[in-house]
C-alpha atoms as a PDB file:
ATOM      1  CA  UNK A   1       0.000   0.000   0.000  1.00  0.00           C
ATOM      2  CA  UNK A   2       1.303   3.451  -0.939  1.00  0.00           C
ATOM      3  CA  UNK A   3       1.746   6.195   1.603  1.00  0.00           C
ATOM      4  CA  UNK A   4      -1.389   8.432   1.880  1.00  0.00           C
ATOM      5  CA  UNK A   5      -3.534   5.996  -0.074  1.00  0.00           C
ATOM      6  CA  UNK A   6      -6.780   4.757   1.467  1.00  0.00           C
ATOM      7  CA  UNK A   7      -7.169   0.972   1.530  1.00  0.00           C
ATOM      8  CA  UNK A   8     -10.639   1.231  -0.074  1.00  0.00           C
ATOM      9  CA  UNK A   9     -11.829   3.467  -2.908  1.00  0.00           C
ATOM     10  CA  UNK A  10     -14.522   6.075  -2.372  1.00  0.00           C
ATOM     11  CA  UNK A  11     -17.919   4.383  -2.861  1.00  0.00           C
ATOM     12  CA  UNK A  12     -19.348   4.903  -6.359  1.00  0.00           C
ATOM     13  CA  UNK A  13     -22.691   6.170  -5.055  1.00  0.00           C
ATOM     14  CA  UNK A  14     -20.895   9.198  -3.603  1.00  0.00           C
ATOM     15  CA  UNK A  15     -18.566   9.762  -6.551  1.00  0.00           C
ATOM     16  CA  UNK A  16     -21.644   9.760  -8.821  1.00  0.00           C
ATOM     17  CA  UNK A  17     -22.677  13.071  -7.184  1.00  0.00           C
ATOM     18  CA  UNK A  18     -19.499  14.858  -8.280  1.00  0.00           C
ATOM     19  CA  UNK A  19     -19.928  17.663 -10.814  1.00  0.00           C
ATOM     20  CA  UNK A  20     -17.981  17.486 -14.045  1.00  0.00           C
ATOM     21  CA  UNK A  21     -14.409  18.549 -13.327  1.00  0.00           C
ATOM     22  CA  UNK A  22     -14.830  18.243  -9.534  1.00  0.00           C
ATOM     23  CA  UNK A  23     -12.026  16.252  -7.979  1.00  0.00           C
ATOM     24  CA  UNK A  24     -11.576  14.342  -4.755  1.00  0.00           C
ATOM     25  CA  UNK A  25      -9.090  15.652  -2.193  1.00  0.00           C
ATOM     26  CA  UNK A  26      -9.794  13.376   0.793  1.00  0.00           C
ATOM     27  CA  UNK A  27     -12.444  11.284   2.453  1.00  0.00           C
ATOM     28  CA  UNK A  28     -13.028   9.733   5.830  1.00  0.00           C
ATOM     29  CA  UNK A  29     -15.634   8.069   7.959  1.00  0.00           C
ATOM     30  CA  UNK A  30     -17.837   9.693  10.562  1.00  0.00           C
ATOM     31  CA  UNK A  31     -20.272   8.060  12.974  1.00  0.00           C
ATOM     32  CA  UNK A  32     -23.121   7.687  10.478  1.00  0.00           C
ATOM     33  CA  UNK A  33     -21.525   7.929   7.045  1.00  0.00           C
ATOM     34  CA  UNK A  34     -18.779   9.304   4.853  1.00  0.00           C
ATOM     35  CA  UNK A  35     -17.257  12.795   4.756  1.00  0.00           C
ATOM     36  CA  UNK A  36     -15.870  13.717   1.326  1.00  0.00           C
ATOM     37  CA  UNK A  37     -13.700  16.746   0.612  1.00  0.00           C
ATOM     38  CA  UNK A  38     -13.547  17.911  -2.993  1.00  0.00           C
ATOM     39  CA  UNK A  39     -12.034  21.012  -4.523  1.00  0.00           C
ATOM     40  CA  UNK A  40     -15.524  22.596  -4.558  1.00  0.00           C
ATOM     41  CA  UNK A  41     -17.366  21.354  -1.473  1.00  0.00           C
ATOM     42  CA  UNK A  42     -17.730  19.201   1.594  1.00  0.00           C
ATOM     43  CA  UNK A  43     -20.052  16.327   0.683  1.00  0.00           C
ATOM     44  CA  UNK A  44     -21.449  14.426   3.664  1.00  0.00           C
ATOM     45  CA  UNK A  45     -23.468  11.226   3.660  1.00  0.00           C
ATOM     46  CA  UNK A  46     -25.605  10.836   6.751  1.00  0.00           C
ATOM     47  CA  UNK A  47     -27.822   7.758   6.983  1.00  0.00           C
ATOM     48  CA  UNK A  48     -28.110   7.442   3.174  1.00  0.00           C
ATOM     49  CA  UNK A  49     -28.792  11.190   2.641  1.00  0.00           C
ATOM     50  CA  UNK A  50     -26.307  13.645   1.174  1.00  0.00           C
ATOM     51  CA  UNK A  51     -25.558  17.160   2.387  1.00  0.00           C
ATOM     52  CA  UNK A  52     -23.218  19.447   0.550  1.00  0.00           C
ATOM     53  CA  UNK A  53     -21.523  22.572   1.777  1.00  0.00           C
ATOM     54  CA  UNK A  54     -19.679  24.741  -0.735  1.00  0.00           C
ATOM     55  CA  UNK A  55     -16.255  26.098   0.202  1.00  0.00           C
ATOM     56  CA  UNK A  56     -17.203  29.538  -1.107  1.00  0.00           C
ATOM     57  CA  UNK A  57     -19.592  29.710   1.900  1.00  0.00           C
ATOM     58  CA  UNK A  58     -16.965  28.631   4.464  1.00  0.00           C
ATOM     59  CA  UNK A  59     -16.202  31.007   7.329  1.00  0.00           C
ATOM     60  CA  UNK A  60     -13.916  28.861   9.499  1.00  0.00           C
ATOM     61  CA  UNK A  61     -13.005  25.316  10.509  1.00  0.00           C
ATOM     62  CA  UNK A  62     -11.634  23.681  13.640  1.00  0.00           C
ATOM     63  CA  UNK A  63     -10.310  20.149  14.211  1.00  0.00           C
ATOM     64  CA  UNK A  64     -10.417  18.846  17.788  1.00  0.00           C
ATOM     65  CA  UNK A  65      -9.869  15.128  17.350  1.00  0.00           C
ATOM     66  CA  UNK A  66     -12.137  13.306  16.808  1.00  0.00           C
ATOM     67  CA  UNK A  67     -14.506  16.232  16.071  1.00  0.00           C
ATOM     68  CA  UNK A  68     -14.464  18.422  12.982  1.00  0.00           C
ATOM     69  CA  UNK A  69     -16.385  21.722  13.189  1.00  0.00           C
ATOM     70  CA  UNK A  70     -16.926  23.883  10.106  1.00  0.00           C
ATOM     71  CA  UNK A  71     -18.861  27.146   9.991  1.00  0.00           C
ATOM     72  CA  UNK A  72     -20.609  27.992   6.725  1.00  0.00           C
ATOM     73  CA  UNK A  73     -22.718  30.959   5.727  1.00  0.00           C
ATOM     74  CA  UNK A  74     -26.235  29.551   5.293  1.00  0.00           C
ATOM     75  CA  UNK A  75     -29.147  31.852   4.353  1.00  0.00           C
ATOM     76  CA  UNK A  76     -27.101  34.850   5.482  1.00  0.00           C
ATOM     77  CA  UNK A  77     -26.385  33.391   8.929  1.00  0.00           C
ATOM     78  CA  UNK A  78     -23.415  31.375  10.236  1.00  0.00           C
ATOM     79  CA  UNK A  79     -24.206  27.681  10.670  1.00  0.00           C
ATOM     80  CA  UNK A  80     -21.857  25.259  12.414  1.00  0.00           C
ATOM     81  CA  UNK A  81     -21.767  21.684  11.191  1.00  0.00           C
ATOM     82  CA  UNK A  82     -19.930  19.144  13.343  1.00  0.00           C
ATOM     83  CA  UNK A  83     -18.928  15.564  12.673  1.00  0.00           C
ATOM     84  CA  UNK A  84     -17.305  12.962  14.897  1.00  0.00           C
ATOM     85  CA  UNK A  85     -14.764  11.298  12.626  1.00  0.00           C
ATOM     86  CA  UNK A  86     -14.102   7.641  13.304  1.00  0.00           C
ATOM     87  CA  UNK A  87     -11.519   7.364  10.503  1.00  0.00           C
ATOM     88  CA  UNK A  88     -10.471  10.881   9.500  1.00  0.00           C
ATOM     89  CA  UNK A  89      -7.882  10.016   6.883  1.00  0.00           C
ATOM     90  CA  UNK A  90      -6.633  13.310   5.426  1.00  0.00           C
ATOM     91  CA  UNK A  91      -9.988  15.068   5.884  1.00  0.00           C
ATOM     92  CA  UNK A  92      -8.880  17.547   8.613  1.00  0.00           C
ATOM     93  CA  UNK A  93      -5.882  18.669   6.558  1.00  0.00           C
ATOM     94  CA  UNK A  94      -7.901  18.960   3.347  1.00  0.00           C
ATOM     95  CA  UNK A  95     -10.647  20.957   5.097  1.00  0.00           C
ATOM     96  CA  UNK A  96      -8.088  23.329   6.624  1.00  0.00           C
ATOM     97  CA  UNK A  97      -6.469  23.838   3.212  1.00  0.00           C
ATOM     98  CA  UNK A  98      -9.815  24.528   1.501  1.00  0.00           C
ATOM     99  CA  UNK A  99     -11.004  27.003   4.129  1.00  0.00           C
ATOM    100  CA  UNK A 100      -7.616  28.726   4.203  1.00  0.00           C
ATOM    101  CA  UNK A 101      -7.713  29.108   0.416  1.00  0.00           C
ATOM    102  CA  UNK A 102     -11.159  30.779   0.563  1.00  0.00           C
ATOM    103  CA  UNK A 103     -10.634  33.218   3.457  1.00  0.00           C
ATOM    104  CA  UNK A 104      -8.730  36.364   2.463  1.00  0.00           C
ATOM    105  CA  UNK A 105      -9.273  38.420   5.635  1.00  0.00           C
ATOM    106  CA  UNK A 106     -10.698  37.468   9.031  1.00  0.00           C
ATOM    107  CA  UNK A 107     -10.575  40.332  11.528  1.00  0.00           C
ATOM    108  CA  UNK A 108     -12.337  41.296  14.728  1.00  0.00           C
ATOM    109  CA  UNK A 109     -12.671  45.033  15.194  1.00  0.00           C
ATOM    110  CA  UNK A 110     -14.133  47.160  17.959  1.00  0.00           C
ATOM    111  CA  UNK A 111     -16.741  49.346  16.286  1.00  0.00           C
ATOM    112  CA  UNK A 112     -17.760  52.500  18.172  1.00  0.00           C
ATOM    113  CA  UNK A 113     -21.192  52.230  19.791  1.00  0.00           C
ATOM    114  CA  UNK A 114     -21.533  48.652  18.491  1.00  0.00           C
ATOM    115  CA  UNK A 115     -18.869  46.459  20.073  1.00  0.00           C
ATOM    116  CA  UNK A 116     -16.838  43.647  18.547  1.00  0.00           C
ATOM    117  CA  UNK A 117     -17.643  42.780  14.941  1.00  0.00           C
ATOM    118  CA  UNK A 118     -16.021  40.053  12.848  1.00  0.00           C
ATOM    119  CA  UNK A 119     -15.195  41.041   9.259  1.00  0.00           C
ATOM    120  CA  UNK A 120     -14.524  38.189   6.825  1.00  0.00           C
ATOM    121  CA  UNK A 121     -13.551  38.498   3.166  1.00  0.00           C
ATOM    122  CA  UNK A 122     -14.008  35.308   1.119  1.00  0.00           C
ATOM    123  CA  UNK A 123     -13.092  34.378  -2.440  1.00  0.00           C
ATOM    124  CA  UNK A 124     -16.171  33.458  -4.487  1.00  0.00           C
ATOM    125  CA  UNK A 125     -16.794  32.884  -8.173  1.00  0.00           C
ATOM    126  CA  UNK A 126     -18.000  36.486  -8.458  1.00  0.00           C
ATOM    127  CA  UNK A 127     -15.014  37.980  -6.627  1.00  0.00           C
ATOM    128  CA  UNK A 128     -14.318  38.953  -3.023  1.00  0.00           C
ATOM    129  CA  UNK A 129     -17.406  38.845  -0.798  1.00  0.00           C
ATOM    130  CA  UNK A 130     -17.474  40.447   2.640  1.00  0.00           C
ATOM    131  CA  UNK A 131     -19.452  39.128   5.596  1.00  0.00           C
ATOM    132  CA  UNK A 132     -19.891  40.990   8.872  1.00  0.00           C
ATOM    133  CA  UNK A 133     -20.798  39.105  12.033  1.00  0.00           C
ATOM    134  CA  UNK A 134     -21.673  41.391  14.935  1.00  0.00           C
ATOM    135  CA  UNK A 135     -21.427  40.095  18.501  1.00  0.00           C
ATOM    136  CA  UNK A 136     -24.419  38.196  19.867  1.00  0.00           C
ATOM    137  CA  UNK A 137     -25.418  41.000  22.218  1.00  0.00           C
ATOM    138  CA  UNK A 138     -25.812  43.576  19.438  1.00  0.00           C
ATOM    139  CA  UNK A 139     -29.223  45.154  19.114  1.00  0.00           C
ATOM    140  CA  UNK A 140     -29.806  45.672  15.408  1.00  0.00           C
ATOM    141  CA  UNK A 141     -30.563  49.313  14.667  1.00  0.00           C
ATOM    142  CA  UNK A 142     -30.013  51.748  11.864  1.00  0.00           C
ATOM    143  CA  UNK A 143     -27.180  53.389  13.792  1.00  0.00           C
ATOM    144  CA  UNK A 144     -25.365  50.101  14.450  1.00  0.00           C
ATOM    145  CA  UNK A 145     -25.767  48.993  10.813  1.00  0.00           C
ATOM    146  CA  UNK A 146     -24.427  52.352   9.666  1.00  0.00           C
ATOM    147  CA  UNK A 147     -21.412  52.079  12.018  1.00  0.00           C
ATOM    148  CA  UNK A 148     -20.655  48.553  10.756  1.00  0.00           C
ATOM    149  CA  UNK A 149     -20.968  49.686   7.143  1.00  0.00           C
ATOM    150  CA  UNK A 150     -18.578  52.592   7.805  1.00  0.00           C
ATOM    151  CA  UNK A 151     -16.083  50.279   9.554  1.00  0.00           C
ATOM    152  CA  UNK A 152     -16.240  47.840   6.629  1.00  0.00           C
ATOM    153  CA  UNK A 153     -15.678  50.664   4.151  1.00  0.00           C
ATOM    154  CA  UNK A 154     -12.662  51.872   6.155  1.00  0.00           C
ATOM    155  CA  UNK A 155     -11.226  48.340   6.425  1.00  0.00           C
ATOM    156  CA  UNK A 156     -11.664  47.706   2.701  1.00  0.00           C
ATOM    157  CA  UNK A 157      -9.978  51.012   1.905  1.00  0.00           C
ATOM    158  CA  UNK A 158      -7.094  50.326   4.295  1.00  0.00           C
ATOM    159  CA  UNK A 159      -6.497  46.834   2.901  1.00  0.00           C
ATOM    160  CA  UNK A 160      -7.165  47.725  -0.730  1.00  0.00           C
ATOM    161  CA  UNK A 161      -9.765  44.982  -1.104  1.00  0.00           C
END
């Protein structure tokens, strides 16, 4: 057996869901299925159902063996998906590499009269997309939205993005 080669191939029923030109980076087993990392997405089989999460929506990832936690932007809100990997293979490394390749900037800034706000710039097919994630205790108001917008404008200008 070659180094870094899995003893079994990826099951055909999962590979059949790949888009044309999509390629496999890594796969591993979690408690109820298979976790597949491709160049475009995280494809997860859970009890015979498939979920897919596109890397262009990734905000962050964390590996705390045996648990993998990835935060994606879903319907404009951050959503954490977590999987207990029973045979991770190279999945944690591949996920880290994918998320790192998408995130351009990830900064927390103190915004006057608002508090801490996380500013994330991600690479997408249409260019750089910014996401702002205010702290949980923020009361949404016109003033706070205006302050966040001004802080984002200043950050973009400072960074040239």
